[in-house]
Amino acid sequence: MQLIVQTFLNPVFPVFAIMLLGIVLGKRKVFDFRDAQTINRFVFYALVPPVIFSLIVSAPLGQINYTVITLWAISEATIFSITAYTVRTWLKRSKLESMLLGMAACFVNHVFFILPIVTVLYGERGVLPLSAIISIDTVIFFCGMVMALEVVAHRGDSYLKVAASFLRNPVLVAMALGLVVNLVDLKLHDGVKTFLSFTGSAAAPAALFSLGVIMADVKISRIDGAALAVTAIKTIVHPLFIWFLLSSTNGLDSNWTKTVLVTAAGPCGAMPFVLALQYKIKADSIGTAIIYSTVASLFTISVLA
């Protein structure tokens, strides 16, 4: 019980607080939907790229347990497919919204929610596995989703025009530059590191605030079937599935398996919501799923920890 209270007081409530502030100011009409869209564009073009670049540059590629990470990637791909198929087929959501709901079910809020918890629970032993998960999620799932959305957005255009849209996308550019810098082991100037840290630290608060502003017009009391399905899959099915994969594989490092299990039980990340706004895709259910799953993960993480 003490761990649950501590987890709620830090980091859960501080993370919730900025979103609640957005809800309050949204309901009071200090900010509206257009303001939230503007903030979201600022997040996508100015704040997320430094976060992506910094994470990939600092990823310890030589120390990654690739067996565990492969199992993690398999679990995410499976959860994504199950969720996207379910909401598309049974809940009749659009193809693009189904894709982002599938992403919400497998893409965890690891940087701003899981990382502080793992650091408290496991210390530095848990930071390396989580850093590897963040890197894989960033490169494969987040950037892969951005590429897929770019292809859909430019459907009917020539391959050259689609490729040019990739070069104009700040997230994909940041990913490519980060990989190059990491692989050639280029040392960054301290001023660059300060810029990356300073700008990147604003990404989550800004994204969550814009989420709050938009959620101010959503009736949380109304049951959202898609959000409930995503929450159940994210906080229950995903941890059980990755537990099955890990327990079926012998010789795995317990530090890695514990961190992966706790991470799988975490809430939906904010990036699917950011992408929904950026590409003008319905975001209500995604935002509601973030709220539902954050509350639910209080219990799932406490059990698995």
C-alpha atoms as a PDB file:
ATOM      1  CA  MET A   1       0.000   0.000   0.000  1.00  0.00           C
ATOM      2  CA  GLN A   2       2.839   2.393   0.855  1.00  0.00           C
ATOM      3  CA  LEU A   3       4.399   1.792  -2.578  1.00  0.00           C
ATOM      4  CA  ILE A   4       1.063   2.537  -4.272  1.00  0.00           C
ATOM      5  CA  VAL A   5       0.732   5.826  -2.352  1.00  0.00           C
ATOM      6  CA  GLN A   6       4.335   6.803  -3.121  1.00  0.00           C
ATOM      7  CA  THR A   7       3.885   5.936  -6.774  1.00  0.00           C
ATOM      8  CA  PHE A   8       0.726   8.031  -6.929  1.00  0.00           C
ATOM      9  CA  LEU A   9       2.371  11.051  -5.272  1.00  0.00           C
ATOM     10  CA  ASN A  10       5.446  10.799  -7.492  1.00  0.00           C
ATOM     11  CA  PRO A  11       5.443  10.469 -10.474  1.00  0.00           C
ATOM     12  CA  VAL A  12       1.772   9.745 -11.254  1.00  0.00           C
ATOM     13  CA  PHE A  13       0.053  12.831  -9.858  1.00  0.00           C
ATOM     14  CA  PRO A  14       2.685  15.343 -11.095  1.00  0.00           C
ATOM     15  CA  VAL A  15       2.262  13.908 -14.608  1.00  0.00           C
ATOM     16  CA  PHE A  16      -1.522  14.009 -14.276  1.00  0.00           C
ATOM     17  CA  ALA A  17      -1.446  17.551 -12.912  1.00  0.00           C
ATOM     18  CA  ILE A  18      -0.409  19.205 -16.180  1.00  0.00           C
ATOM     19  CA  MET A  19      -3.140  17.329 -18.056  1.00  0.00           C
ATOM     20  CA  LEU A  20      -5.687  18.288 -15.394  1.00  0.00           C
ATOM     21  CA  LEU A  21      -4.581  21.904 -15.748  1.00  0.00           C
ATOM     22  CA  GLY A  22      -5.290  21.659 -19.474  1.00  0.00           C
ATOM     23  CA  ILE A  23      -8.739  20.234 -18.734  1.00  0.00           C
ATOM     24  CA  VAL A  24      -9.545  23.020 -16.261  1.00  0.00           C
ATOM     25  CA  LEU A  25      -8.340  25.808 -18.553  1.00  0.00           C
ATOM     26  CA  GLY A  26     -10.093  24.152 -21.491  1.00  0.00           C
ATOM     27  CA  LYS A  27     -13.411  24.017 -19.650  1.00  0.00           C
ATOM     28  CA  ARG A  28     -12.988  27.674 -18.663  1.00  0.00           C
ATOM     29  CA  LYS A  29     -12.377  28.480 -22.356  1.00  0.00           C
ATOM     30  CA  VAL A  30      -8.951  29.992 -21.682  1.00  0.00           C
ATOM     31  CA  PHE A  31      -7.684  27.549 -24.339  1.00  0.00           C
ATOM     32  CA  ASP A  32      -9.692  25.877 -27.086  1.00  0.00           C
ATOM     33  CA  PHE A  33      -9.220  23.122 -29.671  1.00  0.00           C
ATOM     34  CA  ARG A  34      -7.363  25.391 -32.113  1.00  0.00           C
ATOM     35  CA  ASP A  35      -4.950  26.405 -29.352  1.00  0.00           C
ATOM     36  CA  ALA A  36      -4.351  22.747 -28.563  1.00  0.00           C
ATOM     37  CA  GLN A  37      -3.604  22.036 -32.223  1.00  0.00           C
ATOM     38  CA  THR A  38      -1.066  24.864 -32.275  1.00  0.00           C
ATOM     39  CA  ILE A  39       0.624  23.535 -29.143  1.00  0.00           C
ATOM     40  CA  ASN A  40       0.631  20.062 -30.662  1.00  0.00           C
ATOM     41  CA  ARG A  41       2.356  21.313 -33.832  1.00  0.00           C
ATOM     42  CA  PHE A  42       4.968  22.958 -31.608  1.00  0.00           C
ATOM     43  CA  VAL A  43       5.466  19.598 -29.862  1.00  0.00           C
ATOM     44  CA  PHE A  44       5.727  17.657 -33.128  1.00  0.00           C
ATOM     45  CA  TYR A  45       8.065  20.011 -34.983  1.00  0.00           C
ATOM     46  CA  ALA A  46      10.161  21.570 -32.201  1.00  0.00           C
ATOM     47  CA  LEU A  47      10.122  19.349 -29.111  1.00  0.00           C
ATOM     48  CA  VAL A  48       9.778  15.710 -30.165  1.00  0.00           C
ATOM     49  CA  PRO A  49      12.765  15.717 -32.584  1.00  0.00           C
ATOM     50  CA  PRO A  50      15.271  16.610 -29.813  1.00  0.00           C
ATOM     51  CA  VAL A  51      13.809  13.832 -27.642  1.00  0.00           C
ATOM     52  CA  ILE A  52      14.085  11.287 -30.473  1.00  0.00           C
ATOM     53  CA  PHE A  53      17.604  12.393 -31.386  1.00  0.00           C
ATOM     54  CA  SER A  54      18.822  12.361 -27.782  1.00  0.00           C
ATOM     55  CA  LEU A  55      17.403   8.914 -27.028  1.00  0.00           C
ATOM     56  CA  ILE A  56      18.906   7.319 -30.121  1.00  0.00           C
ATOM     57  CA  VAL A  57      22.285   9.021 -29.691  1.00  0.00           C
ATOM     58  CA  SER A  58      22.589   7.798 -26.100  1.00  0.00           C
ATOM     59  CA  ALA A  59      21.274   4.273 -26.755  1.00  0.00           C
ATOM     60  CA  PRO A  60      23.869   1.694 -25.554  1.00  0.00           C
ATOM     61  CA  LEU A  61      23.629  -0.474 -28.665  1.00  0.00           C
ATOM     62  CA  GLY A  62      26.503  -2.743 -27.588  1.00  0.00           C
ATOM     63  CA  GLN A  63      24.930  -3.608 -24.217  1.00  0.00           C
ATOM     64  CA  ILE A  64      21.448  -4.507 -25.367  1.00  0.00           C
ATOM     65  CA  ASN A  65      20.076  -7.972 -24.569  1.00  0.00           C
ATOM     66  CA  TYR A  66      18.738  -8.619 -28.046  1.00  0.00           C
ATOM     67  CA  THR A  67      16.856 -11.780 -27.049  1.00  0.00           C
ATOM     68  CA  VAL A  68      14.695  -9.878 -24.566  1.00  0.00           C
ATOM     69  CA  ILE A  69      14.289  -6.941 -26.920  1.00  0.00           C
ATOM     70  CA  THR A  70      13.247  -9.261 -29.752  1.00  0.00           C
ATOM     71  CA  LEU A  71      10.583 -10.794 -27.515  1.00  0.00           C
ATOM     72  CA  TRP A  72       9.451  -7.285 -26.587  1.00  0.00           C
ATOM     73  CA  ALA A  73       9.179  -6.311 -30.255  1.00  0.00           C
ATOM     74  CA  ILE A  74       7.189  -9.488 -30.993  1.00  0.00           C
ATOM     75  CA  SER A  75       4.796  -8.709 -28.147  1.00  0.00           C
ATOM     76  CA  GLU A  76       4.280  -5.151 -29.361  1.00  0.00           C
ATOM     77  CA  ALA A  77       3.675  -6.223 -32.959  1.00  0.00           C
ATOM     78  CA  THR A  78       1.154  -8.809 -31.758  1.00  0.00           C
ATOM     79  CA  ILE A  79      -0.657  -6.378 -29.446  1.00  0.00           C
ATOM     80  CA  PHE A  80      -0.741  -3.739 -32.193  1.00  0.00           C
ATOM     81  CA  SER A  81      -2.248  -6.190 -34.680  1.00  0.00           C
ATOM     82  CA  ILE A  82      -4.862  -7.536 -32.251  1.00  0.00           C
ATOM     83  CA  THR A  83      -5.974  -4.074 -31.192  1.00  0.00           C
ATOM     84  CA  ALA A  84      -6.052  -2.520 -34.646  1.00  0.00           C
ATOM     85  CA  TYR A  85      -8.022  -5.482 -35.999  1.00  0.00           C
ATOM     86  CA  THR A  86     -10.462  -5.418 -33.061  1.00  0.00           C
ATOM     87  CA  VAL A  87     -11.337  -1.720 -33.222  1.00  0.00           C
ATOM     88  CA  ARG A  88     -11.432  -1.761 -37.026  1.00  0.00           C
ATOM     89  CA  THR A  89     -13.594  -4.878 -37.400  1.00  0.00           C
ATOM     90  CA  TRP A  90     -15.786  -4.842 -34.314  1.00  0.00           C
ATOM     91  CA  LEU A  91     -15.933  -1.182 -33.352  1.00  0.00           C
ATOM     92  CA  LYS A  92     -15.987   0.141 -36.939  1.00  0.00           C
ATOM     93  CA  ARG A  93     -13.300   2.782 -36.504  1.00  0.00           C
ATOM     94  CA  SER A  94     -11.469   4.239 -39.509  1.00  0.00           C
ATOM     95  CA  LYS A  95      -8.279   2.614 -40.754  1.00  0.00           C
ATOM     96  CA  LEU A  96      -6.028   5.429 -39.544  1.00  0.00           C
ATOM     97  CA  GLU A  97      -7.707   5.709 -36.141  1.00  0.00           C
ATOM     98  CA  SER A  98      -7.467   1.920 -35.772  1.00  0.00           C
ATOM     99  CA  MET A  99      -3.746   2.095 -36.488  1.00  0.00           C
ATOM    100  CA  LEU A 100      -3.204   4.743 -33.819  1.00  0.00           C
ATOM    101  CA  LEU A 101      -5.397   2.899 -31.301  1.00  0.00           C
ATOM    102  CA  GLY A 102      -3.267  -0.169 -32.001  1.00  0.00           C
ATOM    103  CA  MET A 103      -0.179   1.920 -31.355  1.00  0.00           C
ATOM    104  CA  ALA A 104      -1.700   3.246 -28.128  1.00  0.00           C
ATOM    105  CA  ALA A 105      -2.182  -0.343 -26.923  1.00  0.00           C
ATOM    106  CA  CYS A 106       1.494  -1.252 -27.365  1.00  0.00           C
ATOM    107  CA  PHE A 107       3.354   2.058 -27.051  1.00  0.00           C
ATOM    108  CA  VAL A 108       4.036   2.776 -23.376  1.00  0.00           C
ATOM    109  CA  ASN A 109       4.524   6.095 -21.593  1.00  0.00           C
ATOM    110  CA  HIS A 110       8.005   4.889 -20.641  1.00  0.00           C
ATOM    111  CA  VAL A 111       9.994   8.126 -20.506  1.00  0.00           C
ATOM    112  CA  PHE A 112       7.753  10.193 -18.238  1.00  0.00           C
ATOM    113  CA  PHE A 113       5.917   7.495 -16.281  1.00  0.00           C
ATOM    114  CA  ILE A 114       7.816   4.184 -16.205  1.00  0.00           C
ATOM    115  CA  LEU A 115      11.371   5.563 -15.983  1.00  0.00           C
ATOM    116  CA  PRO A 116      10.967   7.205 -12.534  1.00  0.00           C
ATOM    117  CA  ILE A 117       9.250   4.078 -11.197  1.00  0.00           C
ATOM    118  CA  VAL A 118      11.902   1.703 -12.569  1.00  0.00           C
ATOM    119  CA  THR A 119      14.672   3.926 -11.186  1.00  0.00           C
ATOM    120  CA  VAL A 120      13.124   3.764  -7.708  1.00  0.00           C
ATOM    121  CA  LEU A 121      12.436   0.020  -7.886  1.00  0.00           C
ATOM    122  CA  TYR A 122      15.594  -1.309  -9.541  1.00  0.00           C
ATOM    123  CA  GLY A 123      18.087   1.561  -9.642  1.00  0.00           C
ATOM    124  CA  GLU A 124      20.566   1.757 -12.512  1.00  0.00           C
ATOM    125  CA  ARG A 125      20.055  -1.961 -13.227  1.00  0.00           C
ATOM    126  CA  GLY A 126      16.625  -1.152 -14.603  1.00  0.00           C
ATOM    127  CA  VAL A 127      17.611   1.963 -16.551  1.00  0.00           C
ATOM    128  CA  LEU A 128      19.614   0.116 -19.226  1.00  0.00           C
ATOM    129  CA  PRO A 129      16.799  -2.294 -20.211  1.00  0.00           C
ATOM    130  CA  LEU A 130      14.307   0.566 -20.286  1.00  0.00           C
ATOM    131  CA  SER A 131      16.661   2.695 -22.400  1.00  0.00           C
ATOM    132  CA  ALA A 132      16.889  -0.169 -24.875  1.00  0.00           C
ATOM    133  CA  ILE A 133      13.098  -0.501 -24.982  1.00  0.00           C
ATOM    134  CA  ILE A 134      12.709   3.231 -25.548  1.00  0.00           C
ATOM    135  CA  SER A 135      15.235   3.136 -28.391  1.00  0.00           C
ATOM    136  CA  ILE A 136      13.543   0.189 -30.103  1.00  0.00           C
ATOM    137  CA  ASP A 137      10.094   1.713 -29.681  1.00  0.00           C
ATOM    138  CA  THR A 138      11.316   5.023 -31.049  1.00  0.00           C
ATOM    139  CA  VAL A 139      13.082   3.588 -34.095  1.00  0.00           C
ATOM    140  CA  ILE A 140      10.661   0.814 -35.030  1.00  0.00           C
ATOM    141  CA  PHE A 141       7.189   1.662 -33.797  1.00  0.00           C
ATOM    142  CA  PHE A 142       7.032   5.441 -33.505  1.00  0.00           C
ATOM    143  CA  CYS A 143       9.062   6.272 -36.589  1.00  0.00           C
ATOM    144  CA  GLY A 144       7.500   3.327 -38.438  1.00  0.00           C
ATOM    145  CA  MET A 145       4.049   4.722 -37.673  1.00  0.00           C
ATOM    146  CA  VAL A 146       5.108   8.182 -38.843  1.00  0.00           C
ATOM    147  CA  MET A 147       6.344   6.671 -42.117  1.00  0.00           C
ATOM    148  CA  ALA A 148       3.086   4.732 -42.551  1.00  0.00           C
ATOM    149  CA  LEU A 149       1.021   7.868 -41.939  1.00  0.00           C
ATOM    150  CA  GLU A 150       3.157   9.800 -44.415  1.00  0.00           C
ATOM    151  CA  VAL A 151       2.566   7.115 -47.060  1.00  0.00           C
ATOM    152  CA  VAL A 152      -1.201   7.217 -46.460  1.00  0.00           C
ATOM    153  CA  ALA A 153      -1.202  11.028 -46.450  1.00  0.00           C
ATOM    154  CA  HIS A 154       0.553  11.036 -49.838  1.00  0.00           C
ATOM    155  CA  ARG A 155      -1.377   8.113 -51.339  1.00  0.00           C
ATOM    156  CA  GLY A 156      -1.448   8.398 -55.102  1.00  0.00           C
ATOM    157  CA  ASP A 157       1.723  10.475 -55.219  1.00  0.00           C
ATOM    158  CA  SER A 158       4.921   9.270 -56.868  1.00  0.00           C
ATOM    159  CA  TYR A 159       7.534   7.373 -54.835  1.00  0.00           C
ATOM    160  CA  LEU A 160       9.836  10.367 -55.203  1.00  0.00           C
ATOM    161  CA  LYS A 161       7.267  12.691 -53.655  1.00  0.00           C
ATOM    162  CA  VAL A 162       6.684  10.240 -50.769  1.00  0.00           C
ATOM    163  CA  ALA A 163      10.449  10.031 -50.180  1.00  0.00           C
ATOM    164  CA  ALA A 164      10.636  13.828 -50.201  1.00  0.00           C
ATOM    165  CA  SER A 165       7.906  13.945 -47.522  1.00  0.00           C
ATOM    166  CA  PHE A 166      10.134  11.738 -45.324  1.00  0.00           C
ATOM    167  CA  LEU A 167      12.971  14.245 -45.675  1.00  0.00           C
ATOM    168  CA  ARG A 168      10.650  17.051 -44.568  1.00  0.00           C
ATOM    169  CA  ASN A 169       9.451  15.125 -41.518  1.00  0.00           C
ATOM    170  CA  PRO A 170      11.424  16.348 -38.465  1.00  0.00           C
ATOM    171  CA  VAL A 171      10.912  13.128 -36.495  1.00  0.00           C
ATOM    172  CA  LEU A 172      12.314  10.905 -39.240  1.00  0.00           C
ATOM    173  CA  VAL A 173      15.216  13.295 -39.832  1.00  0.00           C
ATOM    174  CA  ALA A 174      16.014  13.320 -36.106  1.00  0.00           C
ATOM    175  CA  MET A 175      15.946   9.519 -36.047  1.00  0.00           C
ATOM    176  CA  ALA A 176      18.327   9.212 -38.998  1.00  0.00           C
ATOM    177  CA  LEU A 177      20.754  11.790 -37.614  1.00  0.00           C
ATOM    178  CA  GLY A 178      20.692  10.125 -34.200  1.00  0.00           C
ATOM    179  CA  LEU A 179      21.564   6.732 -35.672  1.00  0.00           C
ATOM    180  CA  VAL A 180      24.457   8.217 -37.653  1.00  0.00           C
ATOM    181  CA  VAL A 181      25.872  10.037 -34.624  1.00  0.00           C
ATOM    182  CA  ASN A 182      25.534   6.919 -32.465  1.00  0.00           C
ATOM    183  CA  LEU A 183      27.135   4.563 -34.989  1.00  0.00           C
ATOM    184  CA  VAL A 184      30.128   6.810 -35.738  1.00  0.00           C
ATOM    185  CA  ASP A 185      30.455   7.609 -32.006  1.00  0.00           C
ATOM    186  CA  LEU A 186      30.515  11.347 -32.611  1.00  0.00           C
ATOM    187  CA  LYS A 187      30.979  13.348 -29.408  1.00  0.00           C
ATOM    188  CA  LEU A 188      28.435  16.125 -28.985  1.00  0.00           C
ATOM    189  CA  HIS A 189      29.381  19.520 -27.598  1.00  0.00           C
ATOM    190  CA  ASP A 190      28.004  20.249 -24.122  1.00  0.00           C
ATOM    191  CA  GLY A 191      26.017  23.139 -25.600  1.00  0.00           C
ATOM    192  CA  VAL A 192      24.230  20.717 -27.928  1.00  0.00           C
ATOM    193  CA  LYS A 193      23.475  18.411 -24.991  1.00  0.00           C
ATOM    194  CA  THR A 194      22.062  21.337 -23.023  1.00  0.00           C
ATOM    195  CA  PHE A 195      19.834  22.304 -25.950  1.00  0.00           C
ATOM    196  CA  LEU A 196      18.564  18.731 -26.340  1.00  0.00           C
ATOM    197  CA  SER A 197      17.853  18.372 -22.632  1.00  0.00           C
ATOM    198  CA  PHE A 198      16.258  21.816 -22.308  1.00  0.00           C
ATOM    199  CA  THR A 199      13.927  21.504 -25.286  1.00  0.00           C
ATOM    200  CA  GLY A 200      13.206  17.810 -24.882  1.00  0.00           C
ATOM    201  CA  SER A 201      12.065  18.205 -21.288  1.00  0.00           C
ATOM    202  CA  ALA A 202       9.164  20.364 -22.471  1.00  0.00           C
ATOM    203  CA  ALA A 203       7.756  17.734 -24.859  1.00  0.00           C
ATOM    204  CA  ALA A 204       5.719  15.696 -22.366  1.00  0.00           C
ATOM    205  CA  PRO A 205       4.209  18.628 -20.426  1.00  0.00           C
ATOM    206  CA  ALA A 206       3.218  20.415 -23.633  1.00  0.00           C
ATOM    207  CA  ALA A 207       1.729  17.248 -25.169  1.00  0.00           C
ATOM    208  CA  LEU A 208      -0.185  16.375 -21.998  1.00  0.00           C
ATOM    209  CA  PHE A 209      -1.445  19.952 -21.618  1.00  0.00           C
ATOM    210  CA  SER A 210      -2.828  19.977 -25.166  1.00  0.00           C
ATOM    211  CA  LEU A 211      -4.378  16.575 -24.451  1.00  0.00           C
ATOM    212  CA  GLY A 212      -6.096  18.080 -21.400  1.00  0.00           C
ATOM    213  CA  VAL A 213      -7.463  21.004 -23.407  1.00  0.00           C
ATOM    214  CA  ILE A 214      -8.972  18.646 -25.961  1.00  0.00           C
ATOM    215  CA  MET A 215     -10.292  16.260 -23.306  1.00  0.00           C
ATOM    216  CA  ALA A 216     -12.133  19.206 -21.709  1.00  0.00           C
ATOM    217  CA  ASP A 217     -14.795  18.811 -24.402  1.00  0.00           C
ATOM    218  CA  VAL A 218     -14.983  15.017 -24.095  1.00  0.00           C
ATOM    219  CA  LYS A 219     -17.557  13.490 -21.781  1.00  0.00           C
ATOM    220  CA  ILE A 220     -15.460  11.087 -19.711  1.00  0.00           C
ATOM    221  CA  SER A 221     -18.649   9.771 -18.087  1.00  0.00           C
ATOM    222  CA  ARG A 222     -19.704   8.392 -21.474  1.00  0.00           C
ATOM    223  CA  ILE A 223     -18.384   4.861 -21.889  1.00  0.00           C
ATOM    224  CA  ASP A 224     -15.910   4.700 -24.773  1.00  0.00           C
ATOM    225  CA  GLY A 225     -15.745   1.105 -25.983  1.00  0.00           C
ATOM    226  CA  ALA A 226     -12.564   1.600 -27.997  1.00  0.00           C
ATOM    227  CA  ALA A 227     -10.785   3.287 -25.087  1.00  0.00           C
ATOM    228  CA  LEU A 228     -11.846   0.498 -22.712  1.00  0.00           C
ATOM    229  CA  ALA A 229     -10.643  -2.165 -25.152  1.00  0.00           C
ATOM    230  CA  VAL A 230      -7.276  -0.430 -25.587  1.00  0.00           C
ATOM    231  CA  THR A 231      -6.900  -0.025 -21.819  1.00  0.00           C
ATOM    232  CA  ALA A 232      -7.668  -3.692 -21.121  1.00  0.00           C
ATOM    233  CA  ILE A 233      -5.271  -4.869 -23.801  1.00  0.00           C
ATOM    234  CA  LYS A 234      -2.545  -2.452 -22.712  1.00  0.00           C
ATOM    235  CA  THR A 235      -2.612  -3.037 -18.962  1.00  0.00           C
ATOM    236  CA  ILE A 236      -3.710  -6.711 -18.794  1.00  0.00           C
ATOM    237  CA  VAL A 237      -3.196  -8.579 -22.072  1.00  0.00           C
ATOM    238  CA  HIS A 238       0.169  -7.057 -22.933  1.00  0.00           C
ATOM    239  CA  PRO A 239       1.816  -7.845 -19.546  1.00  0.00           C
ATOM    240  CA  LEU A 240       0.417 -11.392 -19.609  1.00  0.00           C
ATOM    241  CA  PHE A 241       1.612 -11.980 -23.156  1.00  0.00           C
ATOM    242  CA  ILE A 242       5.152 -10.696 -22.576  1.00  0.00           C
ATOM    243  CA  TRP A 243       5.267 -12.722 -19.325  1.00  0.00           C
ATOM    244  CA  PHE A 244       4.403 -15.846 -21.330  1.00  0.00           C
ATOM    245  CA  LEU A 245       7.134 -15.113 -23.893  1.00  0.00           C
ATOM    246  CA  LEU A 246       9.772 -14.409 -21.238  1.00  0.00           C
ATOM    247  CA  SER A 247       8.895 -17.403 -19.065  1.00  0.00           C
ATOM    248  CA  SER A 248       9.088 -19.672 -22.115  1.00  0.00           C
ATOM    249  CA  THR A 249      12.690 -18.623 -22.786  1.00  0.00           C
ATOM    250  CA  ASN A 250      15.516 -19.923 -20.611  1.00  0.00           C
ATOM    251  CA  GLY A 251      18.613 -18.071 -19.418  1.00  0.00           C
ATOM    252  CA  LEU A 252      17.293 -14.521 -19.442  1.00  0.00           C
ATOM    253  CA  ASP A 253      18.708 -11.803 -17.170  1.00  0.00           C
ATOM    254  CA  SER A 254      16.235 -11.176 -14.323  1.00  0.00           C
ATOM    255  CA  ASN A 255      16.991  -7.420 -14.371  1.00  0.00           C
ATOM    256  CA  TRP A 256      15.819  -7.271 -17.956  1.00  0.00           C
ATOM    257  CA  THR A 257      12.739  -9.434 -17.454  1.00  0.00           C
ATOM    258  CA  LYS A 258      11.533  -7.496 -14.385  1.00  0.00           C
ATOM    259  CA  THR A 259      11.914  -4.161 -16.147  1.00  0.00           C
ATOM    260  CA  VAL A 260      10.169  -5.418 -19.280  1.00  0.00           C
ATOM    261  CA  LEU A 261       7.206  -6.744 -17.269  1.00  0.00           C
ATOM    262  CA  VAL A 262       6.731  -3.472 -15.382  1.00  0.00           C
ATOM    263  CA  THR A 263       7.051  -1.517 -18.627  1.00  0.00           C
ATOM    264  CA  ALA A 264       4.415  -3.653 -20.359  1.00  0.00           C
ATOM    265  CA  ALA A 265       1.960  -2.864 -17.553  1.00  0.00           C
ATOM    266  CA  GLY A 266       2.417   0.890 -17.999  1.00  0.00           C
ATOM    267  CA  PRO A 267      -0.140   3.288 -19.478  1.00  0.00           C
ATOM    268  CA  CYS A 268      -0.560   4.327 -23.095  1.00  0.00           C
ATOM    269  CA  GLY A 269       1.976   6.892 -24.226  1.00  0.00           C
ATOM    270  CA  ALA A 270       1.033  10.348 -25.486  1.00  0.00           C
ATOM    271  CA  MET A 271       2.670  10.012 -28.901  1.00  0.00           C
ATOM    272  CA  PRO A 272      -0.336   8.353 -30.649  1.00  0.00           C
ATOM    273  CA  PHE A 273      -2.390  11.340 -29.495  1.00  0.00           C
ATOM    274  CA  VAL A 274       0.248  13.764 -30.827  1.00  0.00           C
ATOM    275  CA  LEU A 275       0.222  11.972 -34.188  1.00  0.00           C
ATOM    276  CA  ALA A 276      -3.583  11.949 -34.304  1.00  0.00           C
ATOM    277  CA  LEU A 277      -3.688  15.717 -34.017  1.00  0.00           C
ATOM    278  CA  GLN A 278      -0.799  16.221 -36.426  1.00  0.00           C
ATOM    279  CA  TYR A 279      -2.413  14.100 -39.152  1.00  0.00           C
ATOM    280  CA  LYS A 280      -5.995  15.246 -38.370  1.00  0.00           C
ATOM    281  CA  ILE A 281      -7.210  11.848 -37.160  1.00  0.00           C
ATOM    282  CA  LYS A 282      -9.999  11.504 -34.574  1.00  0.00           C
ATOM    283  CA  ALA A 283      -8.251  11.646 -31.184  1.00  0.00           C
ATOM    284  CA  ASP A 284     -11.043  11.374 -28.576  1.00  0.00           C
ATOM    285  CA  SER A 285     -10.747   7.628 -27.933  1.00  0.00           C
ATOM    286  CA  ILE A 286      -6.952   7.794 -27.902  1.00  0.00           C
ATOM    287  CA  GLY A 287      -6.982  10.548 -25.307  1.00  0.00           C
ATOM    288  CA  THR A 288      -9.573   8.723 -23.203  1.00  0.00           C
ATOM    289  CA  ALA A 289      -7.496   5.528 -23.371  1.00  0.00           C
ATOM    290  CA  ILE A 290      -4.490   7.438 -22.022  1.00  0.00           C
ATOM    291  CA  ILE A 291      -6.549   8.565 -19.019  1.00  0.00           C
ATOM    292  CA  TYR A 292      -8.140   5.134 -18.420  1.00  0.00           C
ATOM    293  CA  SER A 293      -4.833   3.263 -18.745  1.00  0.00           C
ATOM    294  CA  THR A 294      -2.937   5.661 -16.493  1.00  0.00           C
ATOM    295  CA  VAL A 295      -5.387   4.992 -13.672  1.00  0.00           C
ATOM    296  CA  ALA A 296      -5.439   1.230 -14.342  1.00  0.00           C
ATOM    297  CA  SER A 297      -1.648   0.981 -14.464  1.00  0.00           C
ATOM    298  CA  LEU A 298      -1.447   2.120 -10.828  1.00  0.00           C
ATOM    299  CA  PHE A 299      -2.684  -1.326  -9.882  1.00  0.00           C
ATOM    300  CA  THR A 300      -1.038  -3.455 -12.582  1.00  0.00           C
ATOM    301  CA  ILE A 301       2.405  -1.967 -11.974  1.00  0.00           C
ATOM    302  CA  SER A 302       2.027  -2.337  -8.208  1.00  0.00           C
ATOM    303  CA  VAL A 303       1.182  -6.037  -8.622  1.00  0.00           C
ATOM    304  CA  LEU A 304       4.054  -6.792 -11.005  1.00  0.00           C
ATOM    305  CA  ALA A 305       6.604  -4.688  -9.132  1.00  0.00           C
END
